[in-house]
Amino acid sequence: VSFYAKCASLCDAFRQFSEIGLKDIVSYNSLISGCVENCCAHESLHLFQDMKSSGIWPNITTLVGVLTACSDLAALGHGSSCHGYCVVHGYAVNTTICNALMDMYTKCGNLDVAKSVFDTMHKRDIVSWNTMMFGFGTHGLGKEALSLFDSMQDTNVNPDEVTLLALLSACSHSGLVDEGKQVFSSMARGDFNMIP
């Protein structure tokens, strides 16, 4: 199932999946992830419902796949429901789950909840910071993205290429030309150990 899904042959993946006598979490996760990766997010959500109806409990891999599908579809209702499941079952403290939640909420236009998830995270990685910066930038809140970048530097998390792309994008979406030039100049000077 995973092989066919990774080769973008979803028909074969579904055929193989249907031939499995006793489906388990691995077979469901393989197909859910494959559907998300191949732009079939609706199918991922149907598989998730089928999985739950079969009495198979989702794990982190499942939930990240479902949240990614919700992000792709801007399906806030499904995403919020999944968030509730994560809270009830103790997954909401997992960094990867929190990153997926923030991505889903920002893409669904609910920046307040995304920021709340970010603020309550026990451990943030570079993806956490980048996701929130992209969220601010996409919604025209470039100053907030820049402020978040300053906070990130205060925690000694080093920016990566995605961070700088998020900042430049935030400046662009917010009309912050001078600030964007400053970010680019810092890159050109090698302040972040990256050359544009």
Foldseek 3Di string as FASTA:
>chain_A
DLVCLVVVNLVVLVVVLVPDPDDAQVSLLSNLQSCLVNVNLVVSVVSVVVCVVVVYDHDPSSLLSNLSSCLSVLVVVSLVVSVVVCVVVVNLQPQSNLLSSLSSCLSNVNLVVNVVSLVPHPDYAQSSLLSNLLSCLVVQNLVVNVVSVVVCVVVVHAHDPSSLVSNLSSCVSNVVVVSNVVSQVCQCVCVRVHHD
